[in-house]
Amino acid sequence: MKKPAKPLRMPPKTTSSERDEALDAFAAGADYPSKENTGESSAGSRRGLNIKDLPWEAPGVRKDVIKSYALRIPEPMYLKLKFIAENTPYSMNSFISEKIAEAIEEDLALLLGRQYPSG
């Protein structure tokens, strides 16, 4: 006689009300940095961003290291992208990389409140 199979998923250790209380307590203790606390006056610091420690400017970050990211898009958009790749010099990846780089720089300029140099 076989033993009954163990469930694939363990039951939660806490109830949802305990989790809700814990999340509320955590959120109540959160502090939004103010301009007075940081001494900064740029748009980025007004939003509570730490613009002194930008992750892409950290030591050890290399331009020659390529990171992968799985992009999930609706099928019609995928087919449009494939059509562009088949009818232009772009590959699907080079098209997305170029367009996303432009969008990232624009959003960084807005987020940080200044024209951020690409690089």
N, C-alpha and C. Protein backbone atom coordinates (compact mmCIF):
# COMPACT_ATOMS: atom_id res chain seq x y z
N MET A 1 0.84 -1.18 0.00
CA MET A 1 0.00 0.00 0.00
C MET A 1 0.88 1.24 0.00
N LYS A 2 0.60 2.16 -0.89
CA LYS A 2 1.40 3.37 -1.03
C LYS A 2 0.97 4.42 -0.01
N LYS A 3 1.95 5.22 0.37
CA LYS A 3 1.65 6.36 1.24
C LYS A 3 0.96 7.43 0.40
N PRO A 4 0.09 8.20 1.02
CA PRO A 4 -0.51 9.31 0.25
C PRO A 4 0.58 10.32 -0.11
N ALA A 5 0.48 10.85 -1.31
CA ALA A 5 1.48 11.82 -1.79
C ALA A 5 1.39 13.11 -0.99
N LYS A 6 2.56 13.69 -0.74
CA LYS A 6 2.60 14.98 -0.05
C LYS A 6 2.07 16.05 -1.00
N PRO A 7 1.41 17.04 -0.46
CA PRO A 7 0.93 18.11 -1.35
C PRO A 7 2.12 18.84 -1.96
N LEU A 8 1.96 19.30 -3.18
CA LEU A 8 3.03 20.00 -3.87
C LEU A 8 3.28 21.38 -3.27
N ARG A 9 2.29 21.90 -2.63
CA ARG A 9 2.41 23.24 -2.07
C ARG A 9 2.15 23.18 -0.58
N MET A 10 3.02 23.80 0.19
CA MET A 10 2.86 23.81 1.64
C MET A 10 1.79 24.83 2.03
N PRO A 11 1.02 24.53 3.05
CA PRO A 11 0.02 25.50 3.50
C PRO A 11 0.72 26.73 4.09
N PRO A 12 0.11 27.90 4.00
CA PRO A 12 0.74 29.11 4.54
C PRO A 12 0.93 28.99 6.05
N LYS A 13 2.04 29.55 6.53
CA LYS A 13 2.34 29.51 7.95
C LYS A 13 1.57 30.57 8.73
N THR A 14 1.11 31.58 8.03
CA THR A 14 0.34 32.63 8.69
C THR A 14 -0.99 32.79 7.98
N THR A 15 -1.93 33.33 8.68
CA THR A 15 -3.23 33.59 8.07
C THR A 15 -3.15 34.90 7.30
N SER A 16 -4.11 35.11 6.43
CA SER A 16 -4.09 36.34 5.64
C SER A 16 -4.24 37.57 6.54
N SER A 17 -5.00 37.46 7.62
CA SER A 17 -5.15 38.62 8.51
C SER A 17 -3.83 38.93 9.22
N GLU A 18 -3.06 37.88 9.57
CA GLU A 18 -1.75 38.12 10.19
C GLU A 18 -0.81 38.78 9.19
N ARG A 19 -0.86 38.34 7.93
CA ARG A 19 -0.02 38.97 6.90
C ARG A 19 -0.42 40.41 6.69
N ASP A 20 -1.74 40.67 6.65
CA ASP A 20 -2.22 42.04 6.47
C ASP A 20 -1.76 42.93 7.61
N GLU A 21 -1.84 42.43 8.83
CA GLU A 21 -1.39 43.21 9.99
C GLU A 21 0.11 43.47 9.91
N ALA A 22 0.88 42.47 9.50
CA ALA A 22 2.32 42.64 9.38
C ALA A 22 2.66 43.66 8.30
N LEU A 23 1.95 43.61 7.16
CA LEU A 23 2.19 44.57 6.09
C LEU A 23 1.81 45.98 6.52
N ASP A 24 0.70 46.11 7.23
CA ASP A 24 0.29 47.43 7.72
C ASP A 24 1.32 47.99 8.69
N ALA A 25 1.84 47.15 9.57
CA ALA A 25 2.85 47.60 10.53
C ALA A 25 4.12 48.02 9.80
N PHE A 26 4.50 47.26 8.77
CA PHE A 26 5.68 47.60 8.00
C PHE A 26 5.49 48.94 7.28
N ALA A 27 4.33 49.10 6.63
CA ALA A 27 4.06 50.33 5.89
C ALA A 27 3.97 51.53 6.83
N ALA A 28 3.45 51.34 8.01
CA ALA A 28 3.34 52.45 8.96
C ALA A 28 4.71 52.94 9.40
N GLY A 29 5.69 52.04 9.40
CA GLY A 29 7.03 52.43 9.82
C GLY A 29 7.87 53.00 8.69
N ALA A 30 7.36 52.95 7.46
CA ALA A 30 8.13 53.47 6.33
C ALA A 30 8.19 54.98 6.39
N ASP A 31 9.35 55.52 5.99
CA ASP A 31 9.55 56.97 6.02
C ASP A 31 9.93 57.43 4.63
N TYR A 32 9.24 58.41 4.12
CA TYR A 32 9.54 58.98 2.81
C TYR A 32 10.58 60.07 3.01
N PRO A 33 11.75 59.99 2.35
CA PRO A 33 12.78 61.00 2.56
C PRO A 33 12.32 62.37 2.09
N SER A 34 12.57 63.37 2.87
CA SER A 34 12.18 64.73 2.51
C SER A 34 13.39 65.50 2.01
N LYS A 35 13.14 66.65 1.39
CA LYS A 35 14.22 67.48 0.87
C LYS A 35 15.14 67.93 1.99
N GLU A 36 14.58 68.19 3.16
CA GLU A 36 15.39 68.64 4.29
C GLU A 36 16.35 67.54 4.74
N ASN A 37 15.89 66.29 4.69
CA ASN A 37 16.73 65.18 5.13
C ASN A 37 17.89 64.91 4.19
N THR A 38 17.69 65.11 2.90
CA THR A 38 18.72 64.76 1.93
C THR A 38 19.61 65.93 1.57
N GLY A 39 19.11 67.14 1.70
CA GLY A 39 19.89 68.30 1.30
C GLY A 39 19.94 68.49 -0.20
N GLU A 40 19.21 67.68 -0.95
CA GLU A 40 19.20 67.76 -2.40
C GLU A 40 17.98 68.57 -2.84
N SER A 41 18.07 69.15 -4.04
CA SER A 41 16.93 69.91 -4.53
C SER A 41 16.53 69.52 -5.94
N SER A 42 17.16 68.50 -6.52
CA SER A 42 16.80 68.10 -7.87
C SER A 42 15.46 67.37 -7.87
N ALA A 43 14.91 67.20 -9.06
CA ALA A 43 13.63 66.50 -9.17
C ALA A 43 13.74 65.08 -8.64
N GLY A 44 14.86 64.44 -8.89
CA GLY A 44 15.06 63.07 -8.40
C GLY A 44 15.01 63.00 -6.90
N SER A 45 15.66 63.92 -6.23
CA SER A 45 15.65 63.85 -4.77
C SER A 45 14.29 64.25 -4.22
N ARG A 46 13.56 65.10 -4.92
CA ARG A 46 12.21 65.45 -4.45
C ARG A 46 11.31 64.22 -4.47
N ARG A 47 11.61 63.28 -5.35
CA ARG A 47 10.84 62.05 -5.41
C ARG A 47 11.35 61.01 -4.43
N GLY A 48 12.38 61.33 -3.68
CA GLY A 48 12.93 60.38 -2.73
C GLY A 48 13.93 59.43 -3.34
N LEU A 49 14.48 59.78 -4.50
CA LEU A 49 15.45 58.92 -5.15
C LEU A 49 16.85 59.23 -4.63
N ASN A 50 17.65 58.21 -4.52
CA ASN A 50 19.04 58.39 -4.13
C ASN A 50 19.85 58.53 -5.41
N ILE A 51 20.04 59.77 -5.87
CA ILE A 51 20.72 59.96 -7.15
C ILE A 51 22.23 59.96 -7.02
N LYS A 52 22.74 59.82 -5.81
CA LYS A 52 24.18 59.72 -5.63
C LYS A 52 24.68 58.32 -5.95
N ASP A 53 23.84 57.32 -5.78
CA ASP A 53 24.22 55.92 -6.00
C ASP A 53 23.43 55.31 -7.15
N LEU A 54 23.66 55.80 -8.35
CA LEU A 54 22.96 55.26 -9.51
C LEU A 54 23.60 53.92 -9.87
N PRO A 55 22.81 52.86 -9.97
CA PRO A 55 23.37 51.52 -10.12
C PRO A 55 24.23 51.34 -11.37
N TRP A 56 23.94 52.03 -12.43
CA TRP A 56 24.71 51.86 -13.66
C TRP A 56 26.04 52.62 -13.61
N GLU A 57 26.25 53.43 -12.55
CA GLU A 57 27.52 54.12 -12.38
C GLU A 57 28.40 53.46 -11.32
N ALA A 58 27.96 52.34 -10.80
CA ALA A 58 28.71 51.64 -9.74
C ALA A 58 30.01 51.08 -10.30
N PRO A 59 31.04 51.01 -9.46
CA PRO A 59 32.28 50.40 -9.92
C PRO A 59 32.02 48.93 -10.26
N GLY A 60 32.66 48.48 -11.29
CA GLY A 60 32.49 47.09 -11.69
C GLY A 60 31.42 46.87 -12.74
N VAL A 61 30.62 47.89 -13.04
CA VAL A 61 29.62 47.77 -14.11
C VAL A 61 30.35 47.95 -15.43
N ARG A 62 30.18 46.98 -16.32
CA ARG A 62 30.93 46.98 -17.57
C ARG A 62 30.00 47.09 -18.77
N LYS A 63 30.41 47.91 -19.75
CA LYS A 63 29.61 48.07 -20.96
C LYS A 63 29.66 46.84 -21.86
N ASP A 64 30.70 46.03 -21.72
CA ASP A 64 30.83 44.86 -22.58
C ASP A 64 30.03 43.66 -22.09
N VAL A 65 29.44 43.75 -20.91
CA VAL A 65 28.61 42.66 -20.38
C VAL A 65 27.18 42.88 -20.87
N ILE A 66 26.64 41.90 -21.53
CA ILE A 66 25.28 41.97 -22.06
C ILE A 66 24.36 41.14 -21.18
N LYS A 67 23.30 41.75 -20.70
CA LYS A 67 22.32 41.06 -19.86
C LYS A 67 21.09 40.72 -20.69
N SER A 68 20.52 39.57 -20.43
CA SER A 68 19.31 39.14 -21.12
C SER A 68 18.08 39.46 -20.28
N TYR A 69 16.99 39.73 -20.97
CA TYR A 69 15.72 39.97 -20.31
C TYR A 69 14.63 39.39 -21.21
N ALA A 70 13.83 38.51 -20.65
CA ALA A 70 12.74 37.91 -21.42
C ALA A 70 11.60 38.91 -21.53
N LEU A 71 11.24 39.24 -22.73
CA LEU A 71 10.18 40.22 -22.98
C LEU A 71 8.90 39.50 -23.37
N ARG A 72 7.84 39.78 -22.64
CA ARG A 72 6.55 39.18 -22.94
C ARG A 72 5.68 40.24 -23.63
N ILE A 73 5.30 39.95 -24.86
CA ILE A 73 4.47 40.88 -25.62
C ILE A 73 3.33 40.12 -26.27
N PRO A 74 2.22 40.81 -26.55
CA PRO A 74 1.09 40.15 -27.21
C PRO A 74 1.50 39.67 -28.61
N GLU A 75 0.84 38.63 -29.06
CA GLU A 75 1.17 38.04 -30.35
C GLU A 75 1.12 39.04 -31.51
N PRO A 76 0.10 39.91 -31.60
CA PRO A 76 0.10 40.87 -32.71
C PRO A 76 1.35 41.77 -32.70
N MET A 77 1.78 42.20 -31.52
CA MET A 77 2.97 43.03 -31.45
C MET A 77 4.21 42.24 -31.87
N TYR A 78 4.27 40.99 -31.46
CA TYR A 78 5.39 40.12 -31.87
C TYR A 78 5.44 39.99 -33.39
N LEU A 79 4.29 39.78 -34.00
CA LEU A 79 4.24 39.62 -35.45
C LEU A 79 4.62 40.92 -36.16
N LYS A 80 4.23 42.05 -35.60
CA LYS A 80 4.64 43.34 -36.16
C LYS A 80 6.16 43.50 -36.07
N LEU A 81 6.71 43.14 -34.93
CA LEU A 81 8.16 43.22 -34.73
C LEU A 81 8.89 42.31 -35.71
N LYS A 82 8.37 41.12 -35.89
CA LYS A 82 8.96 40.17 -36.84
C LYS A 82 8.89 40.72 -38.26
N PHE A 83 7.79 41.35 -38.60
CA PHE A 83 7.63 41.97 -39.93
C PHE A 83 8.68 43.06 -40.14
N ILE A 84 8.88 43.89 -39.12
CA ILE A 84 9.91 44.95 -39.21
C ILE A 84 11.28 44.32 -39.43
N ALA A 85 11.58 43.28 -38.68
CA ALA A 85 12.89 42.63 -38.81
C ALA A 85 13.09 42.01 -40.19
N GLU A 86 12.03 41.50 -40.76
CA GLU A 86 12.14 40.86 -42.08
C GLU A 86 12.24 41.88 -43.21
N ASN A 87 11.81 43.13 -42.96
CA ASN A 87 11.75 44.12 -44.03
C ASN A 87 12.65 45.32 -43.81
N THR A 88 13.52 45.27 -42.84
CA THR A 88 14.48 46.34 -42.57
C THR A 88 15.82 45.71 -42.21
N PRO A 89 16.85 46.51 -42.09
CA PRO A 89 18.15 45.96 -41.67
C PRO A 89 18.18 45.53 -40.20
N TYR A 90 17.17 45.89 -39.44
CA TYR A 90 17.13 45.55 -38.01
C TYR A 90 16.88 44.06 -37.80
N SER A 91 17.47 43.53 -36.74
CA SER A 91 17.01 42.25 -36.20
C SER A 91 15.95 42.61 -35.17
N MET A 92 15.20 41.63 -34.71
CA MET A 92 14.20 41.90 -33.68
C MET A 92 14.87 42.47 -32.44
N ASN A 93 15.98 41.88 -32.05
CA ASN A 93 16.67 42.32 -30.85
C ASN A 93 17.28 43.71 -31.01
N SER A 94 17.91 43.99 -32.16
CA SER A 94 18.53 45.30 -32.34
C SER A 94 17.48 46.41 -32.39
N PHE A 95 16.32 46.12 -32.97
CA PHE A 95 15.24 47.10 -33.01
C PHE A 95 14.77 47.44 -31.60
N ILE A 96 14.49 46.40 -30.82
CA ILE A 96 14.03 46.62 -29.44
C ILE A 96 15.11 47.32 -28.62
N SER A 97 16.36 46.90 -28.76
CA SER A 97 17.45 47.51 -28.00
C SER A 97 17.57 49.00 -28.29
N GLU A 98 17.52 49.36 -29.57
CA GLU A 98 17.65 50.78 -29.93
C GLU A 98 16.48 51.60 -29.39
N LYS A 99 15.27 51.10 -29.58
CA LYS A 99 14.09 51.85 -29.14
C LYS A 99 14.01 51.95 -27.62
N ILE A 100 14.35 50.88 -26.92
CA ILE A 100 14.26 50.91 -25.46
C ILE A 100 15.35 51.80 -24.88
N ALA A 101 16.52 51.85 -25.53
CA ALA A 101 17.59 52.73 -25.05
C ALA A 101 17.14 54.19 -25.10
N GLU A 102 16.47 54.58 -26.18
CA GLU A 102 15.95 55.95 -26.30
C GLU A 102 14.92 56.23 -25.20
N ALA A 103 14.01 55.30 -24.99
CA ALA A 103 12.97 55.49 -23.98
C ALA A 103 13.56 55.54 -22.57
N ILE A 104 14.56 54.72 -22.31
CA ILE A 104 15.19 54.72 -20.99
C ILE A 104 15.85 56.06 -20.71
N GLU A 105 16.58 56.60 -21.68
CA GLU A 105 17.25 57.89 -21.48
C GLU A 105 16.23 59.01 -21.26
N GLU A 106 15.12 58.99 -22.01
CA GLU A 106 14.07 60.00 -21.84
C GLU A 106 13.46 59.91 -20.44
N ASP A 107 13.16 58.70 -20.00
CA ASP A 107 12.56 58.53 -18.68
C ASP A 107 13.53 58.90 -17.57
N LEU A 108 14.81 58.59 -17.75
CA LEU A 108 15.80 58.98 -16.75
C LEU A 108 15.89 60.49 -16.63
N ALA A 109 15.85 61.18 -17.78
CA ALA A 109 15.89 62.64 -17.75
C ALA A 109 14.70 63.19 -16.97
N LEU A 110 13.53 62.62 -17.17
CA LEU A 110 12.34 63.06 -16.43
C LEU A 110 12.45 62.69 -14.95
N LEU A 111 12.88 61.48 -14.69
CA LEU A 111 12.95 60.98 -13.34
C LEU A 111 13.99 61.72 -12.51
N LEU A 112 15.13 62.00 -13.11
CA LEU A 112 16.20 62.67 -12.38
C LEU A 112 16.13 64.18 -12.49
N GLY A 113 15.25 64.69 -13.34
CA GLY A 113 15.06 66.13 -13.43
C GLY A 113 16.17 66.85 -14.16
N ARG A 114 16.87 66.14 -15.00
CA ARG A 114 17.96 66.76 -15.76
C ARG A 114 18.20 65.91 -17.00
N GLN A 115 18.95 66.46 -17.92
CA GLN A 115 19.32 65.68 -19.11
C GLN A 115 20.44 64.75 -18.71
N TYR A 116 20.14 63.48 -18.66
CA TYR A 116 21.14 62.51 -18.24
C TYR A 116 21.92 62.07 -19.46
N PRO A 117 23.24 62.14 -19.41
CA PRO A 117 24.01 61.73 -20.59
C PRO A 117 23.92 60.23 -20.80
N SER A 118 23.69 59.83 -22.04
CA SER A 118 23.66 58.40 -22.32
C SER A 118 25.07 57.86 -22.30
N GLY A 119 25.18 56.60 -22.01
CA GLY A 119 26.51 56.01 -21.99
C GLY A 119 26.54 54.81 -21.26
